[in-house]
Protein backbone atom coordinates (compact mmCIF):
# COMPACT_ATOMS: atom_id res chain seq x y z
CA UNK A 1 -5.48 4.03 -10.82
CA UNK A 2 -2.38 4.02 -12.92
CA UNK A 3 0.44 6.38 -12.18
CA UNK A 4 1.38 8.63 -15.06
CA UNK A 5 3.67 7.24 -17.66
CA UNK A 6 4.78 9.35 -20.64
CA UNK A 7 3.82 6.48 -22.93
CA UNK A 8 0.29 6.47 -21.55
CA UNK A 9 -2.55 8.78 -22.45
CA UNK A 10 -1.78 11.93 -20.48
CA UNK A 11 -5.01 13.81 -20.99
CA UNK A 12 -7.27 10.89 -20.27
CA UNK A 13 -8.06 9.13 -17.05
CA UNK A 14 -8.18 5.37 -16.72
CA UNK A 15 -10.80 3.92 -14.45
CA UNK A 16 -11.47 0.72 -12.99
CA UNK A 17 -13.18 -1.87 -16.13
CA UNK A 18 -14.07 -5.53 -15.99
CA UNK A 19 -10.88 -7.55 -15.60
CA UNK A 20 -9.92 -11.17 -15.07
CA UNK A 21 -12.11 -13.94 -16.44
CA UNK A 22 -13.52 -17.33 -15.72
CA UNK A 23 -14.10 -18.45 -19.21
CA UNK A 24 -12.80 -15.56 -21.45
CA UNK A 25 -12.14 -13.78 -24.78
CA UNK A 26 -12.84 -14.71 -28.30
CA UNK A 27 -12.96 -14.58 -31.98
CA UNK A 28 -15.57 -12.83 -34.00
CA UNK A 29 -17.12 -14.91 -36.76
CA UNK A 30 -16.54 -13.57 -40.25
CA UNK A 31 -20.25 -13.21 -40.89
CA UNK A 32 -21.91 -9.91 -39.95
CA UNK A 33 -24.06 -10.45 -36.86
CA UNK A 34 -27.70 -9.50 -36.79
CA UNK A 35 -28.67 -6.32 -34.93
CA UNK A 36 -28.82 -6.79 -31.19
CA UNK A 37 -31.85 -6.18 -29.08
CA UNK A 38 -31.18 -3.06 -26.95
CA UNK A 39 -32.67 -4.86 -23.93
CA UNK A 40 -30.53 -8.00 -24.27
CA UNK A 41 -29.16 -9.53 -21.10
CA UNK A 42 -25.48 -8.99 -20.38
CA UNK A 43 -24.04 -12.30 -19.15
CA UNK A 44 -21.30 -12.07 -16.59
CA UNK A 45 -19.88 -14.12 -13.78
CA UNK A 46 -18.38 -11.15 -11.98
CA UNK A 47 -20.16 -10.16 -8.81
CA UNK A 48 -19.84 -6.73 -7.19
CA UNK A 49 -16.88 -6.55 -4.85
CA UNK A 50 -16.66 -4.84 -1.48
CA UNK A 51 -14.47 -2.09 -2.92
CA UNK A 52 -16.48 0.78 -1.47
CA UNK A 53 -16.66 -0.78 2.00
CA UNK A 54 -12.94 -1.59 1.92
CA UNK A 55 -12.17 2.04 1.11
CA UNK A 56 -14.49 3.33 3.84
CA UNK A 57 -13.18 0.93 6.50
CA UNK A 58 -9.58 1.68 5.59
CA UNK A 59 -10.05 5.46 5.75
CA UNK A 60 -11.85 5.21 9.10
CA UNK A 61 -9.14 2.97 10.53
CA UNK A 62 -6.49 5.47 9.46
CA UNK A 63 -8.21 8.24 11.42
CA UNK A 64 -8.91 6.02 14.42
CA UNK A 65 -5.28 4.87 14.52
CA UNK A 66 -4.05 8.46 14.62
CA UNK A 67 -6.49 9.38 17.39
CA UNK A 68 -5.61 6.33 19.48
CA UNK A 69 -1.84 6.27 18.97
CA UNK A 70 -1.02 10.00 19.23
CA UNK A 71 -1.77 10.33 22.99
CA UNK A 72 0.25 7.19 23.77
CA UNK A 73 3.25 8.56 21.90
CA UNK A 74 2.91 11.86 23.77
CA UNK A 75 2.73 10.25 27.22
CA UNK A 76 5.54 7.83 26.43
CA UNK A 77 7.97 10.66 25.66
CA UNK A 78 6.63 12.67 28.58
CA UNK A 79 7.37 9.83 31.01
CA UNK A 80 10.71 9.24 29.31
CA UNK A 81 11.72 12.80 30.22
CA UNK A 82 10.06 12.77 33.65
CA UNK A 83 9.78 9.10 34.66
CA UNK A 84 8.15 9.69 38.06
CA UNK A 85 8.21 7.18 40.92
CA UNK A 86 9.00 3.54 40.29
CA UNK A 87 6.58 0.83 41.38
CA UNK A 88 6.44 -2.97 41.07
CA UNK A 89 5.96 -3.85 37.38
CA UNK A 90 6.73 -0.36 36.05
CA UNK A 91 9.45 -1.71 33.73
CA UNK A 92 7.04 -4.25 32.27
CA UNK A 93 4.42 -1.51 31.77
CA UNK A 94 6.92 0.70 29.94
CA UNK A 95 7.89 -2.23 27.68
CA UNK A 96 4.21 -2.92 26.96
CA UNK A 97 3.71 0.78 26.23
CA UNK A 98 6.63 0.85 23.78
CA UNK A 99 5.50 -2.40 22.12
CA UNK A 100 2.01 -1.01 21.64
CA UNK A 101 3.37 2.14 19.99
CA UNK A 102 5.62 0.14 17.65
CA UNK A 103 2.85 -2.26 16.60
CA UNK A 104 0.34 0.57 16.17
CA UNK A 105 2.75 2.55 13.99
CA UNK A 106 3.29 -0.60 11.91
CA UNK A 107 -0.46 -1.05 11.50
CA UNK A 108 -0.84 2.63 10.55
CA UNK A 109 1.95 2.32 7.97
CA UNK A 110 0.14 -0.67 6.47
CA UNK A 111 -3.12 1.28 6.32
CA UNK A 112 -1.42 4.23 4.57
CA UNK A 113 0.53 2.02 2.17
CA UNK A 114 -0.54 1.24 -1.40
CA UNK A 115 -1.02 -2.45 -0.61
CA UNK A 116 -4.50 -3.72 -1.30
CA UNK A 117 -6.10 -5.08 1.88
CA UNK A 118 -9.20 -7.24 1.95
CA UNK A 119 -12.06 -6.65 4.36
CA UNK A 120 -10.88 -9.62 6.44
CA UNK A 121 -7.37 -8.16 6.66
CA UNK A 122 -8.74 -4.74 7.59
CA UNK A 123 -10.93 -6.31 10.26
CA UNK A 124 -7.82 -8.03 11.58
CA UNK A 125 -6.03 -4.68 11.83
CA UNK A 126 -9.13 -3.23 13.52
CA UNK A 127 -9.14 -6.03 16.09
CA UNK A 128 -5.41 -5.70 16.66
CA UNK A 129 -5.49 -1.91 17.04
CA UNK A 130 -8.40 -1.73 19.45
CA UNK A 131 -7.44 -5.02 21.14
CA UNK A 132 -3.93 -3.75 21.90
CA UNK A 133 -5.36 -0.48 23.20
CA UNK A 134 -7.74 -2.36 25.47
CA UNK A 135 -4.87 -4.57 26.63
CA UNK A 136 -2.71 -1.59 27.53
CA UNK A 137 -5.62 0.07 29.31
CA UNK A 138 -6.12 -3.17 31.25
CA UNK A 139 -2.50 -3.17 32.43
CA UNK A 140 -2.83 0.45 33.51
CA UNK A 141 -6.05 -0.50 35.26
CA UNK A 142 -4.23 -3.13 37.32
CA UNK A 143 -1.07 -1.15 38.03
CA UNK A 144 -3.03 1.93 39.06
CA UNK A 145 -3.22 0.51 42.60
CA UNK A 146 0.52 -0.10 42.69
CA UNK A 147 1.17 3.47 41.54
CA UNK A 148 -1.29 4.86 44.09
CA UNK A 149 0.47 3.03 46.96
CA UNK A 150 3.87 4.40 45.92
CA UNK A 151 2.60 7.95 45.34
CA UNK A 152 1.04 8.10 48.82
CA UNK A 153 4.11 6.52 50.51
CA UNK A 154 2.01 3.75 51.96
CA UNK A 155 -0.61 6.12 53.37
CA UNK A 156 -4.27 5.61 52.79
CA UNK A 157 -5.40 8.44 50.50
CA UNK A 158 -8.75 7.33 49.02
CA UNK A 159 -9.23 10.51 47.00
CA UNK A 160 -6.07 9.82 44.95
CA UNK A 161 -7.32 6.35 44.11
CA UNK A 162 -10.77 7.66 43.23
CA UNK A 163 -9.32 10.25 40.84
CA UNK A 164 -7.05 7.65 39.24
CA UNK A 165 -9.99 5.30 38.62
CA UNK A 166 -12.00 8.21 37.21
CA UNK A 167 -9.21 9.12 34.79
CA UNK A 168 -9.01 5.50 33.71
CA UNK A 169 -12.77 5.43 33.12
CA UNK A 170 -12.49 8.45 30.81
CA UNK A 171 -9.90 6.62 28.71
CA UNK A 172 -12.20 3.61 28.31
CA UNK A 173 -15.14 5.90 27.53
CA UNK A 174 -13.36 7.54 24.61
CA UNK A 175 -12.12 4.18 23.30
CA UNK A 176 -15.71 2.87 23.16
CA UNK A 177 -17.05 6.05 21.53
CA UNK A 178 -14.24 6.17 18.95
CA UNK A 179 -14.96 2.57 17.98
CA UNK A 180 -18.69 3.18 17.59
CA UNK A 181 -18.38 6.42 15.64
CA UNK A 182 -15.39 5.72 13.41
CA UNK A 183 -15.59 2.01 12.56
CA UNK A 184 -18.36 1.08 10.09
CA UNK A 185 -20.43 -1.73 11.62
CA UNK A 186 -23.96 -2.95 12.01
CA UNK A 187 -25.38 -1.62 15.27
CA UNK A 188 -25.57 -5.17 16.64
CA UNK A 189 -21.90 -5.88 16.02
CA UNK A 190 -21.01 -2.52 17.54
CA UNK A 191 -23.22 -3.24 20.58
CA UNK A 192 -21.47 -6.57 21.26
CA UNK A 193 -17.99 -5.05 21.01
CA UNK A 194 -18.93 -1.97 23.06
CA UNK A 195 -20.62 -3.93 25.85
CA UNK A 196 -17.70 -6.35 26.19
CA UNK A 197 -15.26 -3.45 26.24
CA UNK A 198 -17.34 -1.60 28.87
CA UNK A 199 -17.54 -4.61 31.16
CA UNK A 200 -13.78 -5.19 31.06
CA UNK A 201 -12.61 -2.08 33.04
CA UNK A 202 -15.32 -2.52 35.68
CA UNK A 203 -14.35 -6.14 36.30
CA UNK A 204 -10.61 -5.39 36.21
CA UNK A 205 -10.95 -2.52 38.65
CA UNK A 206 -12.85 -4.67 41.13
CA UNK A 207 -10.42 -7.61 40.81
CA UNK A 208 -7.37 -5.34 41.06
CA UNK A 209 -8.78 -3.59 44.13
CA UNK A 210 -9.36 -6.90 45.88
CA UNK A 211 -5.92 -8.25 44.87
CA UNK A 212 -4.18 -5.14 46.22
CA UNK A 213 -6.25 -4.93 49.38
CA UNK A 214 -7.77 -1.59 48.41
CA UNK A 215 -11.40 -2.59 47.98
CA UNK A 216 -13.18 -0.03 50.15
CA UNK A 217 -16.07 2.41 50.10
CA UNK A 218 -14.23 4.89 47.84
CA UNK A 219 -13.43 2.16 45.29
CA UNK A 220 -17.05 1.01 45.29
CA UNK A 221 -18.18 4.61 44.68
CA UNK A 222 -15.61 4.98 41.86
CA UNK A 223 -16.80 1.72 40.33
CA UNK A 224 -20.37 3.01 40.38
CA UNK A 225 -19.33 6.19 38.57
CA UNK A 226 -17.29 4.14 36.09
CA UNK A 227 -20.27 1.86 35.37
CA UNK A 228 -22.48 4.87 34.61
CA UNK A 229 -19.85 6.39 32.33
CA UNK A 230 -19.36 3.06 30.53
CA UNK A 231 -23.14 2.75 30.00
CA UNK A 232 -23.22 6.23 28.49
CA UNK A 233 -20.27 5.36 26.24
CA UNK A 234 -22.00 2.18 25.01
CA UNK A 235 -25.21 4.13 24.31
CA UNK A 236 -23.36 6.81 22.34
CA UNK A 237 -21.36 4.23 20.38
CA UNK A 238 -24.38 2.05 19.49
CA UNK A 239 -26.60 4.99 18.60
CA UNK A 240 -23.83 6.55 16.48
CA UNK A 241 -23.21 3.27 14.68
CA UNK A 242 -26.94 2.79 14.10
CA UNK A 243 -27.43 6.30 12.69
CA UNK A 244 -24.43 5.95 10.40
CA UNK A 245 -25.78 2.62 9.14
CA UNK A 246 -29.21 4.17 8.47
CA UNK A 247 -27.67 7.11 6.62
CA UNK A 248 -25.57 4.77 4.50
CA UNK A 249 -28.66 2.73 3.61
CA UNK A 250 -30.57 5.88 2.73
CA UNK A 251 -27.69 7.06 0.57
CA UNK A 252 -27.61 3.67 -1.15
CA UNK A 253 -31.34 3.78 -1.83
CA UNK A 254 -31.03 7.34 -3.10
CA UNK A 255 -28.40 6.32 -5.66
CA UNK A 256 -30.97 5.33 -8.21
CA UNK A 257 -31.43 6.64 -11.73
CA UNK A 258 -34.65 5.64 -13.39
CA UNK A 259 -34.75 1.86 -13.45
CA UNK A 260 -31.09 1.52 -12.48
CA UNK A 261 -29.67 1.20 -8.98
CA UNK A 262 -26.07 2.28 -8.56
CA UNK A 263 -24.14 -0.36 -6.66
CA UNK A 264 -20.48 0.58 -6.69
CA UNK A 265 -18.44 3.47 -8.03
CA UNK A 266 -15.82 2.25 -10.45
CA UNK A 267 -14.10 5.56 -11.10
CA UNK A 268 -14.45 9.28 -11.73
CA UNK A 269 -13.04 11.68 -14.27
CA UNK A 270 -13.16 15.22 -15.53
CA UNK A 271 -16.72 15.03 -16.82
CA UNK A 272 -18.36 12.43 -14.66
CA UNK A 273 -18.37 9.16 -12.78
CA UNK A 274 -18.83 5.51 -13.72
CA UNK A 275 -20.82 3.08 -11.57
CA UNK A 276 -21.52 -0.61 -11.63
CA UNK A 277 -25.33 -0.72 -11.62
CA UNK A 278 -28.22 -3.11 -11.86
CA UNK A 279 -31.55 -2.91 -13.66
CA UNK A 280 -34.17 -3.07 -10.92
CA UNK A 281 -36.53 -5.45 -12.73
CA UNK A 282 -34.22 -7.49 -14.94
CA UNK A 283 -31.45 -7.76 -12.32
CA UNK A 284 -29.02 -7.19 -15.17
CA UNK A 285 -25.57 -5.75 -14.41
CA UNK A 286 -24.53 -2.75 -16.47
CA UNK A 287 -22.19 0.23 -16.34
CA UNK A 288 -23.65 3.72 -15.84
CA UNK A 289 -21.75 6.89 -16.67
CA UNK A 290 -22.97 10.10 -15.03
CA UNK A 291 -22.30 13.50 -16.56
CA UNK A 292 -23.18 16.09 -13.93
CA UNK A 293 -24.13 19.62 -15.04
CA UNK A 294 -21.28 21.24 -13.11
CA UNK A 295 -18.78 18.93 -14.84
CA UNK A 296 -19.69 20.08 -18.33
CA UNK A 297 -18.73 23.41 -19.86
CA UNK A 298 -22.31 24.59 -20.34
CA UNK A 299 -25.79 23.41 -21.19
CA UNK A 300 -25.00 23.30 -24.90
CA UNK A 301 -22.14 20.90 -24.23
CA UNK A 302 -24.54 18.55 -22.45
CA UNK A 303 -27.02 18.83 -25.33
CA UNK A 304 -24.31 17.99 -27.86
CA UNK A 305 -23.13 15.11 -25.69
CA UNK A 306 -26.68 13.77 -25.45
CA UNK A 307 -27.17 13.93 -29.22
CA UNK A 308 -23.96 12.03 -29.79
CA UNK A 309 -24.82 9.38 -27.20
CA UNK A 310 -28.11 8.99 -29.02
CA UNK A 311 -26.13 8.44 -32.22
CA UNK A 312 -23.84 5.95 -30.46
CA UNK A 313 -26.90 4.01 -29.33
CA UNK A 314 -27.59 3.20 -32.97
CA UNK A 315 -24.35 1.20 -33.21
CA UNK A 316 -25.17 -2.50 -33.24
CA UNK A 317 -21.90 -4.15 -34.20
CA UNK A 318 -20.73 -7.11 -32.15
CA UNK A 319 -17.33 -5.46 -31.57
CA UNK A 320 -18.72 -2.19 -30.19
CA UNK A 321 -19.78 -1.65 -26.60
CA UNK A 322 -23.56 -1.52 -26.51
CA UNK A 323 -25.49 1.50 -25.22
CA UNK A 324 -28.70 0.38 -23.51
CA UNK A 325 -30.27 3.58 -22.28
CA UNK A 326 -29.76 7.27 -21.46
CA UNK A 327 -31.65 10.01 -19.69
CA UNK A 328 -31.67 12.89 -17.20
CA UNK A 329 -31.99 12.69 -13.41
CA UNK A 330 -34.06 15.22 -11.45
CA UNK A 331 -30.96 17.25 -10.55
CA UNK A 332 -30.01 17.61 -14.22
CA UNK A 333 -27.45 14.81 -14.26
CA UNK A 334 -27.18 13.24 -17.70
CA UNK A 335 -26.45 9.54 -17.69
CA UNK A 336 -26.16 6.70 -20.10
CA UNK A 337 -26.16 2.98 -19.53
CA UNK A 338 -23.78 0.68 -21.34
CA UNK A 339 -22.85 -2.96 -21.60
CA UNK A 340 -20.95 -4.40 -18.65
CA UNK A 341 -18.04 -6.45 -19.96
CA UNK A 342 -15.82 -8.84 -18.03
CA UNK A 343 -12.48 -8.91 -19.77
CA UNK A 344 -9.04 -7.33 -20.08
CA UNK A 345 -7.92 -4.33 -22.06
CA UNK A 346 -5.26 -4.72 -24.74
CA UNK A 347 -3.12 -2.42 -22.62
CA UNK A 348 -3.42 -4.92 -19.75
CA UNK A 349 -2.47 -7.83 -22.01
CA UNK A 350 0.70 -6.13 -23.22
CA UNK A 351 1.62 -4.86 -19.75
CA UNK A 352 1.29 -8.33 -18.26
CA UNK A 353 2.48 -10.58 -21.10
CA UNK A 354 4.60 -8.36 -23.34
CA UNK A 355 4.10 -7.77 -27.08
CA UNK A 356 1.42 -9.99 -28.61
CA UNK A 357 2.01 -12.49 -31.42
CA UNK A 358 1.46 -10.87 -34.85
CA UNK A 359 -1.35 -13.31 -35.69
CA UNK A 360 -3.24 -12.33 -32.56
CA UNK A 361 -2.67 -8.63 -33.22
CA UNK A 362 -4.10 -9.01 -36.72
CA UNK A 363 -7.05 -10.88 -35.20
CA UNK A 364 -7.83 -7.96 -32.85
CA UNK A 365 -7.24 -5.27 -35.48
CA UNK A 366 -9.66 -6.85 -37.95
CA UNK A 367 -12.42 -6.80 -35.33
CA UNK A 368 -11.75 -3.15 -34.46
CA UNK A 369 -11.90 -2.34 -38.16
CA UNK A 370 -15.37 -3.88 -38.35
CA UNK A 371 -16.56 -1.87 -35.38
CA UNK A 372 -15.19 1.37 -36.85
CA UNK A 373 -16.64 0.60 -40.27
CA UNK A 374 -20.15 0.80 -38.84
CA UNK A 375 -19.39 3.95 -36.80
CA UNK A 376 -17.72 5.71 -39.73
CA UNK A 377 -20.58 4.67 -41.97
CA UNK A 378 -23.00 6.83 -39.96
CA UNK A 379 -20.53 9.68 -39.51
CA UNK A 380 -19.18 8.90 -36.03
CA UNK A 381 -15.48 9.31 -35.28
CA UNK A 382 -14.09 7.74 -32.11
CA UNK A 383 -11.04 10.07 -31.70
CA UNK A 384 -9.63 8.24 -28.69
CA UNK A 385 -8.60 4.83 -29.98
CA UNK A 386 -5.90 3.42 -27.70
CA UNK A 387 -5.03 0.03 -26.14
CA UNK A 388 -6.95 0.77 -22.93
CA UNK A 389 -10.10 1.46 -24.96
CA UNK A 390 -10.21 -1.99 -26.55
CA UNK A 391 -11.40 -4.82 -24.35
CA UNK A 392 -10.66 -8.49 -25.01
CA UNK A 393 -13.48 -10.60 -23.63
CA UNK A 394 -15.52 -13.76 -23.99
CA UNK A 395 -18.98 -13.54 -25.51
CA UNK A 396 -21.25 -16.44 -26.29
CA UNK A 397 -18.48 -19.01 -25.84
CA UNK A 398 -16.22 -17.22 -28.33
CA UNK A 399 -12.83 -16.06 -27.07
CA UNK A 400 -10.73 -12.99 -27.89
CA UNK A 401 -13.73 -10.89 -28.88
CA UNK A 402 -12.50 -7.29 -29.21
CA UNK A 403 -14.88 -4.65 -27.84
CA UNK A 404 -14.28 -1.01 -28.73
CA UNK A 405 -15.31 1.00 -25.66
CA UNK A 406 -15.30 4.55 -24.36
CA UNK A 407 -16.79 6.69 -27.06
CA UNK A 408 -16.46 9.61 -24.64
CA UNK A 409 -14.69 11.72 -27.28
CA UNK A 410 -16.87 10.65 -30.18
CA UNK A 411 -17.55 13.25 -32.85
CA UNK A 412 -20.68 13.15 -34.96
CA UNK A 413 -19.63 14.22 -38.43
CA UNK A 414 -23.24 14.25 -39.62
CA UNK A 415 -24.16 17.32 -37.56
CA UNK A 416 -25.02 20.27 -39.70
CA UNK A 417 -22.63 22.95 -38.47
CA UNK A 418 -19.23 23.16 -36.86
CA UNK A 419 -20.86 24.91 -33.90
CA UNK A 420 -22.82 21.74 -33.22
CA UNK A 421 -19.74 19.58 -32.81
CA UNK A 422 -18.72 18.34 -29.40
CA UNK A 423 -15.19 19.60 -29.91
CA UNK A 424 -14.61 22.69 -32.00
CA UNK A 425 -11.95 22.89 -34.68
CA UNK A 426 -8.84 24.46 -33.10
CA UNK A 427 -9.11 22.35 -29.97
CA UNK A 428 -7.27 19.12 -29.30
CA UNK A 429 -8.74 16.11 -27.57
CA UNK A 430 -7.40 12.60 -27.24
CA UNK A 431 -4.36 10.72 -25.97
CA UNK A 432 -1.01 12.10 -27.21
CA UNK A 433 0.72 8.70 -27.67
CA UNK A 434 -2.03 7.62 -30.10
CA UNK A 435 -3.17 10.83 -31.84
CA UNK A 436 -3.01 11.51 -35.54
CA UNK A 437 -0.98 14.51 -36.78
CA UNK A 438 -4.12 16.35 -37.87
CA UNK A 439 -5.78 15.66 -34.52
CA UNK A 440 -2.68 16.97 -32.73
CA UNK A 441 -2.89 20.13 -34.85
CA UNK A 442 -6.56 20.65 -34.01
CA UNK A 443 -7.64 20.34 -37.64
CA UNK A 444 -10.88 18.99 -39.04
CA UNK A 445 -10.93 15.19 -38.88
CA UNK A 446 -12.31 12.34 -40.91
CA UNK A 447 -12.23 8.56 -40.60
CA UNK A 448 -8.55 8.42 -41.58
CA UNK A 449 -7.64 9.99 -38.23
CA UNK A 450 -9.09 6.92 -36.46
CA UNK A 451 -7.13 4.73 -38.90
CA UNK A 452 -3.89 6.45 -37.83
CA UNK A 453 -4.75 5.90 -34.16
CA UNK A 454 -5.50 2.26 -34.90
CA UNK A 455 -2.03 2.02 -36.47
CA UNK A 456 -0.45 3.35 -33.29
CA UNK A 457 -2.36 0.74 -31.28
CA UNK A 458 -1.06 -1.98 -33.62
CA UNK A 459 2.48 -0.62 -33.18
CA UNK A 460 2.05 -0.84 -29.40
CA UNK A 461 0.66 -4.38 -29.49
CA UNK A 462 3.52 -5.61 -31.68
CA UNK A 463 6.42 -3.82 -29.95
CA UNK A 464 5.23 -3.07 -26.42
CA UNK A 465 5.53 0.71 -26.84
CA UNK A 466 3.76 3.45 -28.83
CA UNK A 467 5.54 4.82 -31.92
CA UNK A 468 6.83 7.96 -30.20
CA UNK A 469 7.39 7.57 -26.44
CA UNK A 470 8.50 11.00 -25.23
CA UNK A 471 8.78 12.82 -21.92
CA UNK A 472 6.03 15.37 -22.53
CA UNK A 473 2.72 15.42 -24.44
CA UNK A 474 3.95 18.26 -26.65
CA UNK A 475 6.99 16.26 -27.69
CA UNK A 476 4.71 13.35 -28.59
CA UNK A 477 2.46 15.60 -30.68
CA UNK A 478 5.45 17.06 -32.53
CA UNK A 479 6.84 13.57 -33.17
CA UNK A 480 3.53 12.42 -34.66
CA UNK A 481 3.58 15.44 -36.95
CA UNK A 482 7.19 15.41 -38.13
CA UNK A 483 9.25 12.35 -37.12
CA UNK A 484 9.46 9.12 -39.16
CA UNK A 485 7.99 6.01 -37.61
CA UNK A 486 10.68 3.69 -36.14
CA UNK A 487 11.15 0.28 -37.74
CA UNK A 488 9.18 -2.24 -35.72
CA UNK A 489 11.68 -5.06 -36.23
CA UNK A 490 14.35 -2.99 -34.46
CA UNK A 491 12.14 -2.89 -31.38
CA UNK A 492 10.73 -6.41 -31.54
CA UNK A 493 11.96 -9.34 -33.57
CA UNK A 494 9.53 -11.43 -35.57
CA UNK A 495 7.18 -8.77 -36.93
CA UNK A 496 6.22 -10.03 -40.43
CA UNK A 497 7.06 -7.69 -43.28
CA UNK A 498 3.56 -7.70 -44.74
CA UNK A 499 2.02 -6.81 -41.34
CA UNK A 500 4.54 -4.01 -40.82
CA UNK A 501 3.80 -2.61 -44.29
CA UNK A 502 0.06 -2.50 -43.56
CA UNK A 503 0.65 -0.73 -40.23
CA UNK A 504 3.13 1.77 -41.68
CA UNK A 505 0.54 2.83 -44.24
CA UNK A 506 -1.86 3.52 -41.37
CA UNK A 507 0.83 5.77 -39.87
CA UNK A 508 1.41 7.97 -42.91
CA UNK A 509 1.60 11.66 -41.96
CA UNK A 510 -0.59 12.70 -44.89
CA UNK A 511 -4.13 11.27 -44.55
CA UNK A 512 -4.31 10.91 -48.32
CA UNK A 513 -1.55 8.29 -48.19
CA UNK A 514 -3.28 6.11 -45.59
CA UNK A 515 -5.84 3.40 -46.15
CA UNK A 516 -8.94 5.19 -47.42
CA UNK A 517 -11.29 3.42 -45.01
CA UNK A 518 -11.39 0.62 -42.45
CA UNK A 519 -12.85 -1.83 -44.97
CA UNK A 520 -9.69 -1.51 -47.09
CA UNK A 521 -7.53 -1.85 -44.00
CA UNK A 522 -9.42 -4.95 -42.86
CA UNK A 523 -8.96 -6.59 -46.26
CA UNK A 524 -5.24 -5.83 -46.20
CA UNK A 525 -4.92 -7.37 -42.74
CA UNK A 526 -6.86 -10.44 -43.87
CA UNK A 527 -4.39 -10.88 -46.74
CA UNK A 528 -1.38 -11.10 -44.37
CA UNK A 529 0.16 -14.56 -44.15
CA UNK A 530 -0.36 -14.84 -40.41
CA UNK A 531 -4.03 -13.76 -40.51
CA UNK A 532 -5.37 -17.29 -40.15
CA UNK A 533 -2.82 -18.53 -37.61
CA UNK A 534 -4.70 -17.36 -34.52
CA UNK A 535 -7.77 -19.59 -34.30
CA UNK A 536 -10.64 -19.91 -31.85
CA UNK A 537 -8.87 -22.91 -30.36
CA UNK A 538 -5.67 -20.90 -29.78
CA UNK A 539 -7.65 -18.11 -28.10
CA UNK A 540 -9.61 -20.45 -25.87
CA UNK A 541 -6.51 -22.37 -24.85
CA UNK A 542 -4.63 -19.14 -24.05
CA UNK A 543 -7.37 -17.81 -21.80
CA UNK A 544 -8.18 -21.08 -20.10
CA UNK A 545 -4.51 -21.60 -19.23
CA UNK A 546 -4.56 -18.27 -17.41
CA UNK A 547 -8.07 -18.31 -15.98
CA UNK A 548 -7.07 -20.45 -13.02
CA UNK A 549 -4.17 -18.20 -12.09
CA UNK A 550 -6.18 -14.99 -11.97
CA UNK A 551 -9.04 -13.96 -9.75
CA UNK A 552 -11.77 -11.90 -11.32
CA UNK A 553 -11.25 -8.20 -10.87
CA UNK A 554 -13.41 -5.26 -11.94
CA UNK A 555 -12.22 -2.36 -13.98
CA UNK A 556 -13.86 0.16 -16.31
CA UNK A 557 -12.05 2.44 -18.68
CA UNK A 558 -13.64 5.78 -19.37
CA UNK A 559 -12.05 8.96 -20.69
CA UNK A 560 -12.51 12.44 -19.53
CA UNK A 561 -12.55 15.19 -22.14
CA UNK A 562 -9.38 17.26 -21.76
CA UNK A 563 -8.68 20.12 -24.15
CA UNK A 564 -5.21 21.31 -25.09
CA UNK A 565 -5.51 24.77 -26.60
């Protein structure tokens, strides 16, 4: 998740989308591709990550750390105030106690930090946390005989020793149960850890009793009670771990919509959630967006959304994300299935590498124009064109292919009445840094509004910032409506004059002064001197140079539908 930045899209939420590549993005051939088969395979080398398990393990470790560490902190300060009698090794025990607290607090801080931790690293913290606890318990288990001798002034008081061993057994019991209940494991892994942990105090108590000359009938009786308690703890831990594992498997199996099995949640927003999924028969990865009934305004909103998704499914252009399927689950959840794309958003490219070369910007813009030309031709407006909604990816061995994604705010201009529109006139939807003046004013829109937004994207790609970065969304909207567009060359050297002129016409306040349609804009971009400077070879070389330095990551960008009255 990105933290809010005034230059980012305030009323939209960015979710995880396919990122990082092995082979990567590309150039769209000038010819118009033939319509795609809606059941075409989606090639990808990205495998599902353990993101969900990492999150679960990390959250459980946070809770377990608090439960384990809190009592030790309490008793440390209690003994600091009232130290009690000294015994051989008490100084070493206090040092071990303090070291355990310091290391445990450090591990807890790491778990609560924003650093990304792999499963292996989290398992290391798990081992360290519970291993240190077991180690401290073991020391207490040994020194308990030394403390008992001092407390009884050398007298033989078996009942004191028996109670001390019983108290120690309770500590071990809770450690075993906490591990089984809180740490996600297979029941076999849990059983091994629990059994080894349970054996340790029994063996240590017997060895310590013999070493201190206190092995008598009372110790044997205490060991018997401890063994029973440890067996109960192991049973509870293993059964709890097993039941949790079964429930997780049942939940996984239940996360199925039609022919699609949900594998991993990629993000959630105001109207729904996005999952990485797989077609059960074709084993094809795809992205599924769920729109739950309670997340929509009313049933009519869902009906309008469904009609517009149906219209989106008719889009067949190479540069538009492909809609494979849609439907309703038994609980009323509306979902649609879209193309799963490994790649990077234009926002990512600028954030990581700075403003893009003008030739490459023109290359991307021309592809987006082609995608919009088809959508506008059937009356669909995107209304949320921004850098994070354009994905640069590799398709069919071609690099720097631009994919226009997230039609979550699409408006079907072919619907018969204003009442049938997804967003009514008078409401505002979109991302303030990239909205047209008429969209900011809540007026009726046409294709020229998308052209303005595309101009703001071009401005961002060339300069590294949107045209009007302001502190609040309202200030951005007012700037779009009334302020002149800054000169791009003052923000970034090397922007060609002909490219700047084309972009500035996109950013005219009056729609009548903009390019009349995306076909005209695409022709103007093609006529720029630098239009042919970014070739397939340049794109492939750029991505291949960086493919080795980056691991594949998964990210999906999907908007929610905020309304500013």
